[in-house]
């Protein structure tokens, strides 16, 4: 992710999926003058979560609806293949969201 950022880029990580530790090459962060930010939602109060939801609804949801923003979809599986989809996620093979299709 660090290598993919443009100079002066920002990366925001919300929560962790692969444990609490890892390696980070700070030389590249400094060279590219990057901004890294981390957060967790679980520890936030109900009021903070409601405020974040309202902000998402008013500022970002319209941009998704217009097509300006779009989620990165890794794969779409039929609901019958949920076990295979879960295995892909558990093995950390996905780059983006895994979608289970329930109906046409």
PDB file of N, CA and C in Angstrom:
ATOM      1  N   UNK A   1       0.807  -1.195   0.000  1.00  0.00           N
ATOM      2  CA  UNK A   1       0.000   0.000   0.000  1.00  0.00           C
ATOM      3  C   UNK A   1       0.851   1.261   0.000  1.00  0.00           C
ATOM      4  N   UNK A   2       1.951   1.227   0.736  1.00  0.00           N
ATOM      5  CA  UNK A   2       2.834   2.390   0.801  1.00  0.00           C
ATOM      6  C   UNK A   2       3.438   2.664  -0.576  1.00  0.00           C
ATOM      7  N   UNK A   3       3.877   1.622  -1.260  1.00  0.00           N
ATOM      8  CA  UNK A   3       4.468   1.801  -2.582  1.00  0.00           C
ATOM      9  C   UNK A   3       3.473   2.348  -3.587  1.00  0.00           C
ATOM     10  N   UNK A   4       2.179   2.031  -3.406  1.00  0.00           N
ATOM     11  CA  UNK A   4       1.148   2.471  -4.355  1.00  0.00           C
ATOM     12  C   UNK A   4       0.771   3.939  -4.186  1.00  0.00           C
ATOM     13  N   UNK A   5       1.085   4.526  -3.045  1.00  0.00           N
ATOM     14  CA  UNK A   5       0.715   5.918  -2.802  1.00  0.00           C
ATOM     15  C   UNK A   5       1.572   6.877  -3.626  1.00  0.00           C
ATOM     16  N   UNK A   6       0.934   7.901  -4.110  1.00  0.00           N
ATOM     17  CA  UNK A   6       1.647   8.958  -4.817  1.00  0.00           C
ATOM     18  C   UNK A   6       2.401   9.802  -3.796  1.00  0.00           C
ATOM     19  N   UNK A   7       3.436  10.517  -4.227  1.00  0.00           N
ATOM     20  CA  UNK A   7       4.109  11.422  -3.302  1.00  0.00           C
ATOM     21  C   UNK A   7       3.102  12.368  -2.652  1.00  0.00           C
ATOM     22  N   UNK A   8       3.215  12.521  -1.339  1.00  0.00           N
ATOM     23  CA  UNK A   8       2.278  13.353  -0.592  1.00  0.00           C
ATOM     24  C   UNK A   8       0.945  12.680  -0.312  1.00  0.00           C
ATOM     25  N   UNK A   9       0.845  11.387  -0.649  1.00  0.00           N
ATOM     26  CA  UNK A   9      -0.409  10.661  -0.482  1.00  0.00           C
ATOM     27  C   UNK A   9      -0.765  10.404   0.969  1.00  0.00           C
ATOM     28  N   UNK A  10      -2.026  10.070   1.175  1.00  0.00           N
ATOM     29  CA  UNK A  10      -2.547   9.779   2.513  1.00  0.00           C
ATOM     30  C   UNK A  10      -3.072   8.349   2.533  1.00  0.00           C
ATOM     31  N   UNK A  11      -2.789   7.638   3.597  1.00  0.00           N
ATOM     32  CA  UNK A  11      -3.345   6.304   3.782  1.00  0.00           C
ATOM     33  C   UNK A  11      -4.034   6.260   5.139  1.00  0.00           C
ATOM     34  N   UNK A  12      -5.284   5.818   5.128  1.00  0.00           N
ATOM     35  CA  UNK A  12      -6.055   5.699   6.352  1.00  0.00           C
ATOM     36  C   UNK A  12      -6.394   4.227   6.553  1.00  0.00           C
ATOM     37  N   UNK A  13      -6.014   3.677   7.686  1.00  0.00           N
ATOM     38  CA  UNK A  13      -6.343   2.297   8.023  1.00  0.00           C
ATOM     39  C   UNK A  13      -7.343   2.303   9.163  1.00  0.00           C
ATOM     40  N   UNK A  14      -8.451   1.608   8.954  1.00  0.00           N
ATOM     41  CA  UNK A  14      -9.474   1.507   9.991  1.00  0.00           C
ATOM     42  C   UNK A  14      -9.560   0.042  10.392  1.00  0.00           C
ATOM     43  N   UNK A  15      -9.066  -0.256  11.584  1.00  0.00           N
ATOM     44  CA  UNK A  15      -9.062  -1.628  12.071  1.00  0.00           C
ATOM     45  C   UNK A  15      -7.949  -2.435  11.438  1.00  0.00           C
ATOM     46  N   UNK A  16      -7.803  -3.646  11.922  1.00  0.00           N
ATOM     47  CA  UNK A  16      -6.755  -4.545  11.443  1.00  0.00           C
ATOM     48  C   UNK A  16      -7.339  -5.909  11.171  1.00  0.00           C
ATOM     49  N   UNK A  17      -6.821  -6.581  10.145  1.00  0.00           N
ATOM     50  CA  UNK A  17      -7.291  -7.930   9.856  1.00  0.00           C
ATOM     51  C   UNK A  17      -6.194  -8.971  10.034  1.00  0.00           C
ATOM     52  N   UNK A  18      -4.952  -8.580   9.936  1.00  0.00           N
ATOM     53  CA  UNK A  18      -3.870  -9.544   9.961  1.00  0.00           C
ATOM     54  C   UNK A  18      -3.041  -9.507  11.224  1.00  0.00           C
ATOM     55  N   UNK A  19      -3.630  -9.175  12.334  1.00  0.00           N
ATOM     56  CA  UNK A  19      -2.864  -9.069  13.572  1.00  0.00           C
ATOM     57  C   UNK A  19      -2.557  -7.633  13.888  1.00  0.00           C
ATOM     58  N   UNK A  20      -1.845  -7.434  14.983  1.00  0.00           N
ATOM     59  CA  UNK A  20      -1.591  -6.074  15.463  1.00  0.00           C
ATOM     60  C   UNK A  20      -0.211  -5.548  15.129  1.00  0.00           C
ATOM     61  N   UNK A  21       0.617  -6.329  14.470  1.00  0.00           N
ATOM     62  CA  UNK A  21       1.959  -5.849  14.176  1.00  0.00           C
ATOM     63  C   UNK A  21       2.323  -6.142  12.729  1.00  0.00           C
ATOM     64  N   UNK A  22       3.329  -5.464  12.263  1.00  0.00           N
ATOM     65  CA  UNK A  22       3.805  -5.643  10.900  1.00  0.00           C
ATOM     66  C   UNK A  22       5.042  -4.793  10.690  1.00  0.00           C
ATOM     67  N   UNK A  23       5.573  -4.869   9.495  1.00  0.00           N
ATOM     68  CA  UNK A  23       6.759  -4.083   9.174  1.00  0.00           C
ATOM     69  C   UNK A  23       6.375  -2.903   8.294  1.00  0.00           C
ATOM     70  N   UNK A  24       7.054  -1.813   8.499  1.00  0.00           N
ATOM     71  CA  UNK A  24       6.814  -0.616   7.721  1.00  0.00           C
ATOM     72  C   UNK A  24       8.155   0.029   7.416  1.00  0.00           C
ATOM     73  N   UNK A  25       8.449   0.190   6.141  1.00  0.00           N
ATOM     74  CA  UNK A  25       9.674   0.856   5.729  1.00  0.00           C
ATOM     75  C   UNK A  25       9.510   2.364   5.838  1.00  0.00           C
ATOM     76  N   UNK A  26       9.982   2.931   6.923  1.00  0.00           N
ATOM     77  CA  UNK A  26       9.808   4.367   7.140  1.00  0.00           C
ATOM     78  C   UNK A  26      10.582   5.215   6.139  1.00  0.00           C
ATOM     79  N   UNK A  27      11.632   4.673   5.562  1.00  0.00           N
ATOM     80  CA  UNK A  27      12.395   5.425   4.566  1.00  0.00           C
ATOM     81  C   UNK A  27      11.513   5.843   3.402  1.00  0.00           C
ATOM     82  N   UNK A  28      10.658   4.938   2.911  1.00  0.00           N
ATOM     83  CA  UNK A  28       9.774   5.247   1.798  1.00  0.00           C
ATOM     84  C   UNK A  28       8.695   6.241   2.222  1.00  0.00           C
ATOM     85  N   UNK A  29       8.215   6.123   3.453  1.00  0.00           N
ATOM     86  CA  UNK A  29       7.223   7.067   3.979  1.00  0.00           C
ATOM     87  C   UNK A  29       7.819   8.474   3.991  1.00  0.00           C
ATOM     88  N   UNK A  30       9.047   8.592   4.473  1.00  0.00           N
ATOM     89  CA  UNK A  30       9.703   9.899   4.520  1.00  0.00           C
ATOM     90  C   UNK A  30      10.021  10.416   3.120  1.00  0.00           C
ATOM     91  N   UNK A  31      10.548   9.540   2.275  1.00  0.00           N
ATOM     92  CA  UNK A  31      10.929   9.941   0.923  1.00  0.00           C
ATOM     93  C   UNK A  31       9.734  10.475   0.132  1.00  0.00           C
ATOM     94  N   UNK A  32       8.577   9.814   0.284  1.00  0.00           N
ATOM     95  CA  UNK A  32       7.387  10.209  -0.462  1.00  0.00           C
ATOM     96  C   UNK A  32       6.532  11.240   0.289  1.00  0.00           C
ATOM     97  N   UNK A  33       6.987  11.615   1.499  1.00  0.00           N
ATOM     98  CA  UNK A  33       6.267  12.586   2.336  1.00  0.00           C
ATOM     99  C   UNK A  33       4.806  12.171   2.518  1.00  0.00           C
ATOM    100  N   UNK A  34       4.606  10.947   2.981  1.00  0.00           N
ATOM    101  CA  UNK A  34       3.267  10.384   3.130  1.00  0.00           C
ATOM    102  C   UNK A  34       2.654  10.726   4.474  1.00  0.00           C
ATOM    103  N   UNK A  35       1.341  10.649   4.531  1.00  0.00           N
ATOM    104  CA  UNK A  35       0.591  10.835   5.763  1.00  0.00           C
ATOM    105  C   UNK A  35      -0.131   9.523   6.055  1.00  0.00           C
ATOM    106  N   UNK A  36       0.140   8.945   7.217  1.00  0.00           N
ATOM    107  CA  UNK A  36      -0.498   7.701   7.628  1.00  0.00           C
ATOM    108  C   UNK A  36      -1.387   7.988   8.826  1.00  0.00           C
ATOM    109  N   UNK A  37      -2.590   7.410   8.813  1.00  0.00           N
ATOM    110  CA  UNK A  37      -3.519   7.614   9.913  1.00  0.00           C
ATOM    111  C   UNK A  37      -4.212   6.294  10.200  1.00  0.00           C
ATOM    112  N   UNK A  38      -4.380   5.996  11.481  1.00  0.00           N
ATOM    113  CA  UNK A  38      -5.059   4.774  11.876  1.00  0.00           C
ATOM    114  C   UNK A  38      -6.174   5.062  12.858  1.00  0.00           C
ATOM    115  N   UNK A  39      -7.180   4.211  12.845  1.00  0.00           N
ATOM    116  CA  UNK A  39      -8.312   4.394  13.743  1.00  0.00           C
ATOM    117  C   UNK A  39      -9.014   3.061  13.959  1.00  0.00           C
ATOM    118  N   UNK A  40      -9.846   3.016  14.988  1.00  0.00           N
ATOM    119  CA  UNK A  40     -10.693   1.862  15.262  1.00  0.00           C
ATOM    120  C   UNK A  40     -12.095   2.373  15.537  1.00  0.00           C
ATOM    121  N   UNK A  41     -13.080   1.654  15.055  1.00  0.00           N
ATOM    122  CA  UNK A  41     -14.457   2.062  15.316  1.00  0.00           C
ATOM    123  C   UNK A  41     -15.011   1.410  16.580  1.00  0.00           C
ATOM    124  N   UNK A  42     -14.573   0.217  16.880  1.00  0.00           N
ATOM    125  CA  UNK A  42     -15.142  -0.555  17.985  1.00  0.00           C
ATOM    126  C   UNK A  42     -15.093   0.194  19.319  1.00  0.00           C
ATOM    127  N   UNK A  43     -14.031   0.935  19.570  1.00  0.00           N
ATOM    128  CA  UNK A  43     -13.864   1.593  20.867  1.00  0.00           C
ATOM    129  C   UNK A  43     -14.561   2.950  20.944  1.00  0.00           C
ATOM    130  N   UNK A  44     -15.137   3.404  19.850  1.00  0.00           N
ATOM    131  CA  UNK A  44     -15.785   4.712  19.840  1.00  0.00           C
ATOM    132  C   UNK A  44     -17.167   4.637  20.493  1.00  0.00           C
ATOM    133  N   UNK A  45     -17.601   5.764  21.024  1.00  0.00           N
ATOM    134  CA  UNK A  45     -18.917   5.827  21.672  1.00  0.00           C
ATOM    135  C   UNK A  45     -20.020   5.752  20.622  1.00  0.00           C
ATOM    136  N   UNK A  46     -21.220   5.464  21.078  1.00  0.00           N
ATOM    137  CA  UNK A  46     -22.373   5.419  20.181  1.00  0.00           C
ATOM    138  C   UNK A  46     -22.581   6.773  19.510  1.00  0.00           C
ATOM    139  N   UNK A  47     -22.375   7.849  20.244  1.00  0.00           N
ATOM    140  CA  UNK A  47     -22.535   9.195  19.677  1.00  0.00           C
ATOM    141  C   UNK A  47     -21.521   9.447  18.561  1.00  0.00           C
ATOM    142  N   UNK A  48     -20.274   9.030  18.780  1.00  0.00           N
ATOM    143  CA  UNK A  48     -19.245   9.208  17.742  1.00  0.00           C
ATOM    144  C   UNK A  48     -19.582   8.389  16.504  1.00  0.00           C
ATOM    145  N   UNK A  49     -20.037   7.149  16.707  1.00  0.00           N
ATOM    146  CA  UNK A  49     -20.413   6.301  15.567  1.00  0.00           C
ATOM    147  C   UNK A  49     -21.570   6.911  14.795  1.00  0.00           C
ATOM    148  N   UNK A  50     -22.548   7.486  15.509  1.00  0.00           N
ATOM    149  CA  UNK A  50     -23.684   8.131  14.851  1.00  0.00           C
ATOM    150  C   UNK A  50     -23.216   9.347  14.044  1.00  0.00           C
ATOM    151  N   UNK A  51     -22.277  10.121  14.595  1.00  0.00           N
ATOM    152  CA  UNK A  51     -21.750  11.291  13.890  1.00  0.00           C
ATOM    153  C   UNK A  51     -21.002  10.865  12.624  1.00  0.00           C
ATOM    154  N   UNK A  52     -20.197   9.815  12.714  1.00  0.00           N
ATOM    155  CA  UNK A  52     -19.470   9.318  11.545  1.00  0.00           C
ATOM    156  C   UNK A  52     -20.433   8.807  10.479  1.00  0.00           C
ATOM    157  N   UNK A  53     -21.485   8.126  10.899  1.00  0.00           N
ATOM    158  CA  UNK A  53     -22.483   7.624   9.963  1.00  0.00           C
ATOM    159  C   UNK A  53     -23.187   8.779   9.253  1.00  0.00           C
ATOM    160  N   UNK A  54     -23.556   9.811  10.004  1.00  0.00           N
ATOM    161  CA  UNK A  54     -24.219  10.981   9.411  1.00  0.00           C
ATOM    162  C   UNK A  54     -23.298  11.680   8.418  1.00  0.00           C
ATOM    163  N   UNK A  55     -22.023  11.786   8.762  1.00  0.00           N
ATOM    164  CA  UNK A  55     -21.040  12.413   7.874  1.00  0.00           C
ATOM    165  C   UNK A  55     -20.898  11.598   6.587  1.00  0.00           C
ATOM    166  N   UNK A  56     -20.801  10.275   6.720  1.00  0.00           N
ATOM    167  CA  UNK A  56     -20.708   9.407   5.538  1.00  0.00           C
ATOM    168  C   UNK A  56     -21.941   9.593   4.661  1.00  0.00           C
ATOM    169  N   UNK A  57     -23.110   9.603   5.290  1.00  0.00           N
ATOM    170  CA  UNK A  57     -24.373   9.722   4.549  1.00  0.00           C
ATOM    171  C   UNK A  57     -24.445  11.047   3.788  1.00  0.00           C
ATOM    172  N   UNK A  58     -24.018  12.131   4.406  1.00  0.00           N
ATOM    173  CA  UNK A  58     -24.164  13.437   3.762  1.00  0.00           C
ATOM    174  C   UNK A  58     -23.032  13.772   2.792  1.00  0.00           C
ATOM    175  N   UNK A  59     -21.806  13.323   3.095  1.00  0.00           N
ATOM    176  CA  UNK A  59     -20.665  13.742   2.282  1.00  0.00           C
ATOM    177  C   UNK A  59     -20.181  12.702   1.275  1.00  0.00           C
ATOM    178  N   UNK A  60     -20.245  11.429   1.629  1.00  0.00           N
ATOM    179  CA  UNK A  60     -19.677  10.405   0.749  1.00  0.00           C
ATOM    180  C   UNK A  60     -20.719   9.614  -0.038  1.00  0.00           C
ATOM    181  N   UNK A  61     -21.839   9.293   0.580  1.00  0.00           N
ATOM    182  CA  UNK A  61     -22.849   8.493  -0.112  1.00  0.00           C
ATOM    183  C   UNK A  61     -23.295   9.118  -1.433  1.00  0.00           C
ATOM    184  N   UNK A  62     -23.512  10.434  -1.502  1.00  0.00           N
ATOM    185  CA  UNK A  62     -23.865  11.034  -2.802  1.00  0.00           C
ATOM    186  C   UNK A  62     -22.783  10.822  -3.866  1.00  0.00           C
ATOM    187  N   UNK A  63     -21.531  10.775  -3.453  1.00  0.00           N
ATOM    188  CA  UNK A  63     -20.440  10.562  -4.419  1.00  0.00           C
ATOM    189  C   UNK A  63     -20.411   9.114  -4.911  1.00  0.00           C
ATOM    190  N   UNK A  64     -20.832   8.170  -4.065  1.00  0.00           N
ATOM    191  CA  UNK A  64     -20.988   6.786  -4.520  1.00  0.00           C
ATOM    192  C   UNK A  64     -22.170   6.690  -5.477  1.00  0.00           C
ATOM    193  N   UNK A  65     -23.264   7.354  -5.130  1.00  0.00           N
ATOM    194  CA  UNK A  65     -24.463   7.312  -5.968  1.00  0.00           C
ATOM    195  C   UNK A  65     -24.230   7.919  -7.344  1.00  0.00           C
ATOM    196  N   UNK A  66     -23.390   8.952  -7.426  1.00  0.00           N
ATOM    197  CA  UNK A  66     -23.107   9.594  -8.713  1.00  0.00           C
ATOM    198  C   UNK A  66     -22.074   8.824  -9.534  1.00  0.00           C
ATOM    199  N   UNK A  67     -21.387   7.882  -8.901  1.00  0.00           N
ATOM    200  CA  UNK A  67     -20.354   7.126  -9.607  1.00  0.00           C
ATOM    201  C   UNK A  67     -18.970   7.726  -9.470  1.00  0.00           C
ATOM    202  N   UNK A  68     -18.874   8.875  -8.801  1.00  0.00           N
ATOM    203  CA  UNK A  68     -17.557   9.492  -8.600  1.00  0.00           C
ATOM    204  C   UNK A  68     -16.656   8.578  -7.764  1.00  0.00           C
ATOM    205  N   UNK A  69     -17.225   7.953  -6.758  1.00  0.00           N
ATOM    206  CA  UNK A  69     -16.521   6.964  -5.936  1.00  0.00           C
ATOM    207  C   UNK A  69     -17.154   5.601  -6.162  1.00  0.00           C
ATOM    208  N   UNK A  70     -16.351   4.572  -6.060  1.00  0.00           N
ATOM    209  CA  UNK A  70     -16.903   3.218  -6.192  1.00  0.00           C
ATOM    210  C   UNK A  70     -16.062   2.251  -5.360  1.00  0.00           C
ATOM    211  N   UNK A  71     -16.713   1.228  -4.821  1.00  0.00           N
ATOM    212  CA  UNK A  71     -15.958   0.253  -4.030  1.00  0.00           C
ATOM    213  C   UNK A  71     -15.113  -0.628  -4.947  1.00  0.00           C
ATOM    214  N   UNK A  72     -14.020  -1.131  -4.420  1.00  0.00           N
ATOM    215  CA  UNK A  72     -13.203  -2.083  -5.156  1.00  0.00           C
ATOM    216  C   UNK A  72     -13.739  -3.473  -4.853  1.00  0.00           C
ATOM    217  N   UNK A  73     -14.242  -4.144  -5.879  1.00  0.00           N
ATOM    218  CA  UNK A  73     -14.811  -5.479  -5.731  1.00  0.00           C
ATOM    219  C   UNK A  73     -13.764  -6.488  -6.185  1.00  0.00           C
ATOM    220  N   UNK A  74     -13.401  -7.395  -5.289  1.00  0.00           N
ATOM    221  CA  UNK A  74     -12.449  -8.453  -5.629  1.00  0.00           C
ATOM    222  C   UNK A  74     -13.139  -9.539  -6.441  1.00  0.00           C
ATOM    223  N   UNK A  75     -14.192 -10.113  -5.885  1.00  0.00           N
ATOM    224  CA  UNK A  75     -14.928 -11.201  -6.538  1.00  0.00           C
ATOM    225  C   UNK A  75     -16.383 -11.171  -6.099  1.00  0.00           C
ATOM    226  N   UNK A  76     -17.240 -11.679  -6.975  1.00  0.00           N
ATOM    227  CA  UNK A  76     -18.650 -11.877  -6.643  1.00  0.00           C
ATOM    228  C   UNK A  76     -18.913 -13.374  -6.705  1.00  0.00           C
ATOM    229  N   UNK A  77     -19.427 -13.919  -5.601  1.00  0.00           N
ATOM    230  CA  UNK A  77     -19.741 -15.346  -5.509  1.00  0.00           C
ATOM    231  C   UNK A  77     -21.241 -15.534  -5.343  1.00  0.00           C
ATOM    232  N   UNK A  78     -21.796 -16.611  -5.897  1.00  0.00           N
ATOM    233  CA  UNK A  78     -23.185 -16.928  -5.554  1.00  0.00           C
ATOM    234  C   UNK A  78     -23.236 -17.357  -4.085  1.00  0.00           C
ATOM    235  N   UNK A  79     -24.364 -17.160  -3.442  1.00  0.00           N
ATOM    236  CA  UNK A  79     -24.476 -17.472  -2.023  1.00  0.00           C
ATOM    237  C   UNK A  79     -24.113 -18.929  -1.742  1.00  0.00           C
ATOM    238  N   UNK A  80     -24.332 -19.796  -2.715  1.00  0.00           N
ATOM    239  CA  UNK A  80     -24.003 -21.211  -2.540  1.00  0.00           C
ATOM    240  C   UNK A  80     -22.500 -21.446  -2.384  1.00  0.00           C
ATOM    241  N   UNK A  81     -21.685 -20.479  -2.801  1.00  0.00           N
ATOM    242  CA  UNK A  81     -20.234 -20.597  -2.713  1.00  0.00           C
ATOM    243  C   UNK A  81     -19.676 -19.787  -1.543  1.00  0.00           C
ATOM    244  N   UNK A  82     -20.509 -19.552  -0.537  1.00  0.00           N
ATOM    245  CA  UNK A  82     -20.082 -18.732   0.608  1.00  0.00           C
ATOM    246  C   UNK A  82     -18.851 -19.312   1.292  1.00  0.00           C
ATOM    247  N   UNK A  83     -18.782 -20.633   1.373  1.00  0.00           N
ATOM    248  CA  UNK A  83     -17.615 -21.249   2.028  1.00  0.00           C
ATOM    249  C   UNK A  83     -16.332 -20.937   1.255  1.00  0.00           C
ATOM    250  N   UNK A  84     -16.390 -21.008  -0.058  1.00  0.00           N
ATOM    251  CA  UNK A  84     -15.221 -20.679  -0.892  1.00  0.00           C
ATOM    252  C   UNK A  84     -14.841 -19.206  -0.738  1.00  0.00           C
ATOM    253  N   UNK A  85     -15.852 -18.333  -0.699  1.00  0.00           N
ATOM    254  CA  UNK A  85     -15.602 -16.899  -0.526  1.00  0.00           C
ATOM    255  C   UNK A  85     -14.951 -16.633   0.829  1.00  0.00           C
ATOM    256  N   UNK A  86     -15.447 -17.287   1.859  1.00  0.00           N
ATOM    257  CA  UNK A  86     -14.877 -17.095   3.195  1.00  0.00           C
ATOM    258  C   UNK A  86     -13.436 -17.596   3.238  1.00  0.00           C
ATOM    259  N   UNK A  87     -13.171 -18.707   2.578  1.00  0.00           N
ATOM    260  CA  UNK A  87     -11.807 -19.244   2.529  1.00  0.00           C
ATOM    261  C   UNK A  87     -10.861 -18.236   1.874  1.00  0.00           C
ATOM    262  N   UNK A  88     -11.320 -17.611   0.774  1.00  0.00           N
ATOM    263  CA  UNK A  88     -10.487 -16.613   0.083  1.00  0.00           C
ATOM    264  C   UNK A  88     -10.157 -15.460   1.019  1.00  0.00           C
ATOM    265  N   UNK A  89     -11.162 -15.002   1.766  1.00  0.00           N
ATOM    266  CA  UNK A  89     -10.951 -13.898   2.699  1.00  0.00           C
ATOM    267  C   UNK A  89     -10.038 -14.330   3.845  1.00  0.00           C
ATOM    268  N   UNK A  90     -10.263 -15.531   4.388  1.00  0.00           N
ATOM    269  CA  UNK A  90      -9.454 -16.019   5.508  1.00  0.00           C
ATOM    270  C   UNK A  90      -7.987 -16.177   5.109  1.00  0.00           C
ATOM    271  N   UNK A  91      -7.745 -16.510   3.849  1.00  0.00           N
ATOM    272  CA  UNK A  91      -6.371 -16.662   3.356  1.00  0.00           C
ATOM    273  C   UNK A  91      -5.781 -15.323   2.909  1.00  0.00           C
ATOM    274  N   UNK A  92      -6.541 -14.239   3.096  1.00  0.00           N
ATOM    275  CA  UNK A  92      -6.081 -12.888   2.763  1.00  0.00           C
ATOM    276  C   UNK A  92      -5.666 -12.767   1.295  1.00  0.00           C
ATOM    277  N   UNK A  93      -6.462 -13.371   0.404  1.00  0.00           N
ATOM    278  CA  UNK A  93      -6.159 -13.336  -1.022  1.00  0.00           C
ATOM    279  C   UNK A  93      -6.908 -12.228  -1.761  1.00  0.00           C
ATOM    280  N   UNK A  94      -7.879 -11.635  -1.110  1.00  0.00           N
ATOM    281  CA  UNK A  94      -8.699 -10.634  -1.794  1.00  0.00           C
ATOM    282  C   UNK A  94      -8.049  -9.258  -1.781  1.00  0.00           C
ATOM    283  N   UNK A  95      -8.290  -8.536  -2.861  1.00  0.00           N
ATOM    284  CA  UNK A  95      -7.889  -7.131  -2.980  1.00  0.00           C
ATOM    285  C   UNK A  95      -9.169  -6.353  -3.223  1.00  0.00           C
ATOM    286  N   UNK A  96      -9.863  -6.018  -2.180  1.00  0.00           N
ATOM    287  CA  UNK A  96     -11.155  -5.374  -2.285  1.00  0.00           C
ATOM    288  C   UNK A  96     -12.208  -6.230  -1.614  1.00  0.00           C
ATOM    289  N   UNK A  97     -13.454  -5.864  -1.827  1.00  0.00           N
ATOM    290  CA  UNK A  97     -14.572  -6.529  -1.169  1.00  0.00           C
ATOM    291  C   UNK A  97     -14.933  -7.830  -1.862  1.00  0.00           C
ATOM    292  N   UNK A  98     -15.345  -8.797  -1.068  1.00  0.00           N
ATOM    293  CA  UNK A  98     -15.914 -10.042  -1.575  1.00  0.00           C
ATOM    294  C   UNK A  98     -17.416  -9.926  -1.408  1.00  0.00           C
ATOM    295  N   UNK A  99     -18.148 -10.139  -2.481  1.00  0.00           N
ATOM    296  CA  UNK A  99     -19.602  -9.971  -2.468  1.00  0.00           C
ATOM    297  C   UNK A  99     -20.258 -11.338  -2.633  1.00  0.00           C
ATOM    298  N   UNK A 100     -21.266 -11.601  -1.793  1.00  0.00           N
ATOM    299  CA  UNK A 100     -22.096 -12.790  -1.937  1.00  0.00           C
ATOM    300  C   UNK A 100     -23.392 -12.367  -2.598  1.00  0.00           C
ATOM    301  N   UNK A 101     -23.679 -12.958  -3.753  1.00  0.00           N
ATOM    302  CA  UNK A 101     -24.890 -12.611  -4.508  1.00  0.00           C
ATOM    303  C   UNK A 101     -26.017 -13.529  -4.046  1.00  0.00           C
ATOM    304  N   UNK A 102     -27.080 -12.912  -3.516  1.00  0.00           N
ATOM    305  CA  UNK A 102     -28.187 -13.679  -2.960  1.00  0.00           C
ATOM    306  C   UNK A 102     -29.252 -13.949  -4.007  1.00  0.00           C
ATOM    307  N   UNK A 103     -29.545 -12.991  -4.875  1.00  0.00           N
ATOM    308  CA  UNK A 103     -30.572 -13.157  -5.901  1.00  0.00           C
ATOM    309  C   UNK A 103     -30.224 -12.291  -7.099  1.00  0.00           C
ATOM    310  N   UNK A 104     -30.880 -12.560  -8.224  1.00  0.00           N
ATOM    311  CA  UNK A 104     -30.662 -11.753  -9.441  1.00  0.00           C
ATOM    312  C   UNK A 104     -31.442 -10.484  -9.431  1.00  0.00           C
TER     313      UNK A 104
END
